């Protein structure tokens, strides 16, 4: 599924290049799906690897699919060799208008849906396994874990005010 970009995002975000507006999305999705203290940093790392925080112009990020059939800023499978994961895990992010279906190209919907996918795949109890389910590549798992460790140590963690115990999944 991955359209890997590699490396850390540039400065200008709140944590290691994470855009200021995205941190609450990662924290909210991690809280909603009980992904623990590391959840926001894992979601941020996946979002960066898949679409450079929704700024990539690669096929599938803003419309259509990549060559494997993945779409959106989290590159979730909607067909092809990537499978149809989206239909199994899609959820609306908070604040979506009533009756509006989840949109794979909407960053918040995609992040919340990816959080759901990671949860049903074993996170936070088995982060490597859940990430491997997300993208069947050991190199991808290592890339996400490495990026997320940087975001985590720089402060992109769960927020106590969102009902997540800080010790959960750490």
Protein backbone atom coordinates (compact mmCIF):
# COMPACT_ATOMS: atom_id res chain seq x y z
CA UNK A 1 0.00 0.00 0.00
CA UNK A 2 2.82 2.40 0.75
CA UNK A 3 4.02 5.23 -1.39
CA UNK A 4 7.06 5.77 0.81
CA UNK A 5 8.68 9.17 1.07
CA UNK A 6 11.28 8.55 3.79
CA UNK A 7 12.92 10.96 6.20
CA UNK A 8 11.40 13.47 8.59
CA UNK A 9 9.19 16.31 7.52
CA UNK A 10 10.69 19.78 7.57
CA UNK A 11 10.43 22.18 10.46
CA UNK A 12 7.32 24.25 10.87
CA UNK A 13 5.04 21.86 12.74
CA UNK A 14 4.55 21.36 16.44
CA UNK A 15 6.52 18.10 16.68
CA UNK A 16 9.34 17.18 14.35
CA UNK A 17 7.59 18.67 11.35
CA UNK A 18 4.08 17.39 12.10
CA UNK A 19 1.72 20.15 10.93
CA UNK A 20 0.12 22.02 13.82
CA UNK A 21 -3.41 21.27 12.58
CA UNK A 22 -2.73 17.53 12.34
CA UNK A 23 -1.63 16.83 15.94
CA UNK A 24 -5.19 17.02 17.36
CA UNK A 25 -6.40 14.65 14.60
CA UNK A 26 -3.75 12.07 15.51
CA UNK A 27 -4.44 12.50 19.23
CA UNK A 28 -8.23 12.34 18.82
CA UNK A 29 -8.11 9.23 16.62
CA UNK A 30 -5.73 7.49 19.03
CA UNK A 31 -8.04 8.33 21.94
CA UNK A 32 -11.17 7.20 20.05
CA UNK A 33 -9.65 3.79 19.33
CA UNK A 34 -7.73 3.38 22.62
CA UNK A 35 -4.33 3.29 20.93
CA UNK A 36 -2.50 4.48 24.03
CA UNK A 37 0.26 6.98 24.49
CA UNK A 38 2.18 5.96 21.34
CA UNK A 39 -0.90 5.98 19.10
CA UNK A 40 -0.66 9.60 17.92
CA UNK A 41 2.99 9.24 16.95
CA UNK A 42 2.32 5.97 15.06
CA UNK A 43 -0.57 7.56 13.15
CA UNK A 44 1.59 10.59 12.33
CA UNK A 45 4.39 8.36 11.06
CA UNK A 46 2.03 6.40 8.81
CA UNK A 47 0.51 9.64 7.50
CA UNK A 48 3.97 11.00 6.76
CA UNK A 49 5.19 7.84 5.03
CA UNK A 50 2.02 7.50 2.96
CA UNK A 51 1.46 11.11 1.89
CA UNK A 52 3.91 13.49 3.58
CA UNK A 53 1.05 14.78 5.73
CA UNK A 54 -1.38 14.93 2.80
CA UNK A 55 0.95 17.12 0.71
CA UNK A 56 2.14 14.45 -1.74
CA UNK A 57 1.05 14.68 -5.35
CA UNK A 58 1.55 10.95 -5.96
CA UNK A 59 -1.35 9.02 -7.54
CA UNK A 60 -4.06 8.06 -5.09
CA UNK A 61 -3.39 10.65 -2.41
CA UNK A 62 -6.02 13.21 -3.50
CA UNK A 63 -7.95 11.19 -6.11
CA UNK A 64 -7.91 7.79 -7.75
CA UNK A 65 -5.60 5.08 -6.41
CA UNK A 66 -1.95 4.19 -6.42
CA UNK A 67 -0.80 1.19 -8.50
CA UNK A 68 -1.80 -1.21 -5.70
CA UNK A 69 -5.31 0.21 -5.30
CA UNK A 70 -4.75 2.29 -2.14
CA UNK A 71 -6.14 5.79 -1.74
CA UNK A 72 -6.13 8.89 0.42
CA UNK A 73 -3.58 10.45 2.74
CA UNK A 74 -3.29 7.18 4.71
CA UNK A 75 -3.22 5.05 1.53
CA UNK A 76 -5.89 2.58 2.63
CA UNK A 77 -6.86 -0.14 0.18
CA UNK A 78 -10.02 0.49 -1.84
CA UNK A 79 -9.43 -2.24 -4.44
CA UNK A 80 -6.77 -3.97 -6.52
CA UNK A 81 -3.94 -5.80 -4.80
CA UNK A 82 -4.38 -3.56 -1.75
CA UNK A 83 -7.77 -5.15 -1.15
CA UNK A 84 -10.86 -3.31 0.04
CA UNK A 85 -9.84 -2.50 3.58
CA UNK A 86 -11.60 0.88 3.48
CA UNK A 87 -15.10 -0.63 3.45
CA UNK A 88 -14.26 -2.70 6.57
CA UNK A 89 -12.70 0.05 8.67
CA UNK A 90 -14.06 3.42 7.48
CA UNK A 91 -15.40 5.81 10.09
CA UNK A 92 -16.34 9.48 10.15
CA UNK A 93 -14.08 11.80 12.07
CA UNK A 94 -15.81 13.94 14.70
CA UNK A 95 -17.38 17.04 13.24
CA UNK A 96 -18.45 15.54 9.94
CA UNK A 97 -21.95 16.66 8.92
CA UNK A 98 -24.70 14.16 9.81
CA UNK A 99 -25.32 11.67 7.01
CA UNK A 100 -22.04 12.41 5.23
CA UNK A 101 -20.24 9.13 4.49
CA UNK A 102 -16.56 8.77 5.41
CA UNK A 103 -14.26 10.00 2.64
CA UNK A 104 -10.94 8.20 2.05
CA UNK A 105 -9.46 11.46 0.69
CA UNK A 106 -10.42 13.50 3.77
CA UNK A 107 -7.40 13.51 6.07
CA UNK A 108 -9.37 13.33 9.32
CA UNK A 109 -11.64 10.51 8.10
CA UNK A 110 -8.60 8.66 6.76
CA UNK A 111 -6.65 9.01 10.04
CA UNK A 112 -9.63 7.89 12.16
CA UNK A 113 -10.21 4.95 9.82
CA UNK A 114 -6.52 4.00 9.97
CA UNK A 115 -6.70 4.14 13.78
CA UNK A 116 -9.68 1.78 13.61
CA UNK A 117 -7.74 -0.53 11.27
CA UNK A 118 -4.72 -0.58 13.58
CA UNK A 119 -6.93 -1.33 16.58
CA UNK A 120 -8.66 -4.30 14.93
CA UNK A 121 -5.21 -5.47 13.80
CA UNK A 122 -3.86 -5.72 17.36
CA UNK A 123 -2.72 -2.26 18.40
CA UNK A 124 -1.68 -1.10 20.89
CA UNK A 125 -0.77 -4.53 22.27
CA UNK A 126 1.20 -5.50 19.15
CA UNK A 127 2.32 -2.42 17.27
CA UNK A 128 4.69 -4.23 14.88
CA UNK A 129 2.00 -6.78 14.01
CA UNK A 130 -0.68 -4.14 13.50
CA UNK A 131 1.60 -2.04 11.31
CA UNK A 132 2.58 -5.13 9.31
CA UNK A 133 -1.13 -5.84 8.73
CA UNK A 134 -1.46 -2.24 7.48
CA UNK A 135 1.39 -2.78 5.00
CA UNK A 136 2.94 -6.21 4.56
CA UNK A 137 6.55 -5.04 4.57
CA UNK A 138 9.09 -5.43 7.36
CA UNK A 139 10.95 -2.38 6.02
CA UNK A 140 7.69 -0.37 6.23
CA UNK A 141 7.14 -1.48 9.84
CA UNK A 142 10.69 -0.41 10.74
CA UNK A 143 10.30 2.93 8.96
CA UNK A 144 7.04 3.70 10.78
CA UNK A 145 8.44 2.65 14.17
CA UNK A 146 11.59 4.74 13.67
CA UNK A 147 9.66 7.85 12.60
CA UNK A 148 7.11 7.42 15.37
CA UNK A 149 9.85 7.10 18.00
CA UNK A 150 11.12 10.53 16.95
CA UNK A 151 7.66 12.08 17.10
CA UNK A 152 7.00 10.41 20.46
CA UNK A 153 10.22 11.60 22.10
CA UNK A 154 9.49 15.11 20.82
CA UNK A 155 6.11 15.10 22.55
CA UNK A 156 3.48 13.76 20.14
CA UNK A 157 1.69 11.56 22.67
CA UNK A 158 -1.82 11.02 23.96
CA UNK A 159 -3.29 13.91 25.90
CA UNK A 160 -4.63 13.18 29.39
CA UNK A 161 -7.60 15.49 28.73
CA UNK A 162 -8.79 13.17 25.98
CA UNK A 163 -9.48 10.29 28.35
CA UNK A 164 -6.42 8.22 27.47
CA UNK A 165 -4.29 6.95 30.31
CA UNK A 166 -0.77 8.11 29.60
CA UNK A 167 0.66 4.75 30.62
CA UNK A 168 -1.57 2.82 28.17
CA UNK A 169 0.36 1.16 25.40
CA UNK A 170 3.55 3.04 26.16
